[in-house]
Amino acid sequence: MTTWELSLLATPEAVPEVRHLLHRYDHDVRLCVTELLTNVIDHVGAGTPATVRVAVLPTGHTRVDTDPDPRSPVVRSGR
């Protein structure tokens, strides 16, 4: 299994940078990663430490995930 992993702060500026770093992956993978990173920004908060992972499984499928750092609680006001 091949895995690409990056720890970063989830900021709007990071989204195009991560998309550029994933240039060797196809459009669908880049889109999924940027959508997940944008969800962290929108729902947890800009500046949240996050880890982005792309894994090519032995089956040939690609797994994409991003996790906000659970050690970094974020307080958000209600909308």
C-alpha atoms as a PDB file:
ATOM      1  CA  MET A   1       0.000   0.000   0.000  1.00  0.00           C
ATOM      2  CA  THR A   2       1.338   3.424  -0.966  1.00  0.00           C
ATOM      3  CA  THR A   3       0.460   6.278   1.376  1.00  0.00           C
ATOM      4  CA  TRP A   4       0.918  10.030   1.046  1.00  0.00           C
ATOM      5  CA  GLU A   5       0.453  11.981   4.285  1.00  0.00           C
ATOM      6  CA  LEU A   6       0.716  15.640   5.216  1.00  0.00           C
ATOM      7  CA  SER A   7       0.126  17.415   8.526  1.00  0.00           C
ATOM      8  CA  LEU A   8      -0.865  21.066   8.188  1.00  0.00           C
ATOM      9  CA  LEU A   9      -3.050  23.859   9.474  1.00  0.00           C
ATOM     10  CA  ALA A  10      -6.415  23.813   7.713  1.00  0.00           C
ATOM     11  CA  THR A  11      -6.574  27.300   6.217  1.00  0.00           C
ATOM     12  CA  PRO A  12      -8.097  28.591   2.978  1.00  0.00           C
ATOM     13  CA  GLU A  13      -4.566  29.241   1.692  1.00  0.00           C
ATOM     14  CA  ALA A  14      -3.589  25.600   2.305  1.00  0.00           C
ATOM     15  CA  VAL A  15      -6.283  24.205  -0.013  1.00  0.00           C
ATOM     16  CA  PRO A  16      -4.655  25.131  -3.375  1.00  0.00           C
ATOM     17  CA  GLU A  17      -1.209  24.289  -1.969  1.00  0.00           C
ATOM     18  CA  VAL A  18      -2.323  20.755  -1.058  1.00  0.00           C
ATOM     19  CA  ARG A  19      -4.050  20.363  -4.434  1.00  0.00           C
ATOM     20  CA  HIS A  20      -0.748  21.297  -6.115  1.00  0.00           C
ATOM     21  CA  LEU A  21       1.199  18.806  -3.971  1.00  0.00           C
ATOM     22  CA  LEU A  22      -1.156  16.058  -5.185  1.00  0.00           C
ATOM     23  CA  HIS A  23      -0.368  16.705  -8.878  1.00  0.00           C
ATOM     24  CA  ARG A  24       0.541  13.037  -9.464  1.00  0.00           C
ATOM     25  CA  TYR A  25      -2.976  11.916  -8.472  1.00  0.00           C
ATOM     26  CA  ASP A  26      -6.001  12.205 -10.734  1.00  0.00           C
ATOM     27  CA  HIS A  27      -8.625  14.954 -10.581  1.00  0.00           C
ATOM     28  CA  ASP A  28     -11.050  12.934  -8.420  1.00  0.00           C
ATOM     29  CA  VAL A  29      -8.451  12.384  -5.684  1.00  0.00           C
ATOM     30  CA  ARG A  30      -7.438  16.055  -5.660  1.00  0.00           C
ATOM     31  CA  LEU A  31     -11.105  17.087  -5.534  1.00  0.00           C
ATOM     32  CA  CYS A  32     -11.866  14.758  -2.603  1.00  0.00           C
ATOM     33  CA  VAL A  33      -8.873  15.988  -0.606  1.00  0.00           C
ATOM     34  CA  THR A  34      -9.690  19.655  -1.152  1.00  0.00           C
ATOM     35  CA  GLU A  35     -13.375  19.089  -0.309  1.00  0.00           C
ATOM     36  CA  LEU A  36     -12.476  17.289   2.920  1.00  0.00           C
ATOM     37  CA  LEU A  37      -9.968  19.969   3.882  1.00  0.00           C
ATOM     38  CA  THR A  38     -12.564  22.659   3.161  1.00  0.00           C
ATOM     39  CA  ASN A  39     -15.025  20.802   5.408  1.00  0.00           C
ATOM     40  CA  VAL A  40     -12.500  20.935   8.268  1.00  0.00           C
ATOM     41  CA  ILE A  41     -12.196  24.695   7.746  1.00  0.00           C
ATOM     42  CA  ASP A  42     -15.971  25.227   7.536  1.00  0.00           C
ATOM     43  CA  HIS A  43     -17.076  22.920  10.347  1.00  0.00           C
ATOM     44  CA  VAL A  44     -14.164  22.859  12.804  1.00  0.00           C
ATOM     45  CA  GLY A  45     -12.474  26.176  12.098  1.00  0.00           C
ATOM     46  CA  ALA A  46      -9.698  27.769  10.091  1.00  0.00           C
ATOM     47  CA  GLY A  47      -6.290  27.124  11.593  1.00  0.00           C
ATOM     48  CA  THR A  48      -7.195  23.671  12.918  1.00  0.00           C
ATOM     49  CA  PRO A  49      -4.244  21.257  12.776  1.00  0.00           C
ATOM     50  CA  ALA A  50      -5.180  18.444  10.380  1.00  0.00           C
ATOM     51  CA  THR A  51      -3.654  15.417   8.715  1.00  0.00           C
ATOM     52  CA  VAL A  52      -4.442  14.595   5.092  1.00  0.00           C
ATOM     53  CA  ARG A  53      -3.862  11.040   3.869  1.00  0.00           C
ATOM     54  CA  VAL A  54      -4.095   9.429   0.439  1.00  0.00           C
ATOM     55  CA  ALA A  55      -3.569   5.668   0.308  1.00  0.00           C
ATOM     56  CA  VAL A  56      -3.493   3.499  -2.792  1.00  0.00           C
ATOM     57  CA  LEU A  57      -4.741   0.106  -1.609  1.00  0.00           C
ATOM     58  CA  PRO A  58      -3.565  -3.270  -2.948  1.00  0.00           C
ATOM     59  CA  THR A  59      -6.920  -3.550  -4.753  1.00  0.00           C
ATOM     60  CA  GLY A  60      -6.026  -0.454  -6.792  1.00  0.00           C
ATOM     61  CA  HIS A  61      -8.655   1.671  -5.049  1.00  0.00           C
ATOM     62  CA  THR A  62      -7.639   4.976  -3.493  1.00  0.00           C
ATOM     63  CA  ARG A  63      -8.615   5.950   0.041  1.00  0.00           C
ATOM     64  CA  VAL A  64      -8.687   9.630   0.973  1.00  0.00           C
ATOM     65  CA  ASP A  65      -9.184  10.983   4.495  1.00  0.00           C
ATOM     66  CA  THR A  66      -8.418  14.002   6.570  1.00  0.00           C
ATOM     67  CA  ASP A  67      -8.616  14.249  10.333  1.00  0.00           C
ATOM     68  CA  PRO A  68      -8.573  17.337  12.475  1.00  0.00           C
ATOM     69  CA  ASP A  69      -6.098  16.917  15.298  1.00  0.00           C
ATOM     70  CA  PRO A  70      -8.209  15.623  18.239  1.00  0.00           C
ATOM     71  CA  ARG A  71      -5.766  17.179  20.698  1.00  0.00           C
ATOM     72  CA  SER A  72      -6.739  20.681  19.521  1.00  0.00           C
ATOM     73  CA  PRO A  73     -10.204  21.559  20.765  1.00  0.00           C
ATOM     74  CA  VAL A  74     -11.809  24.415  18.897  1.00  0.00           C
ATOM     75  CA  VAL A  75     -14.465  26.633  20.417  1.00  0.00           C
ATOM     76  CA  ARG A  76     -16.950  27.974  17.891  1.00  0.00           C
ATOM     77  CA  SER A  77     -19.798  30.352  18.440  1.00  0.00           C
ATOM     78  CA  GLY A  78     -23.316  29.321  17.387  1.00  0.00           C
ATOM     79  CA  ARG A  79     -24.624  30.653  14.107  1.00  0.00           C
END
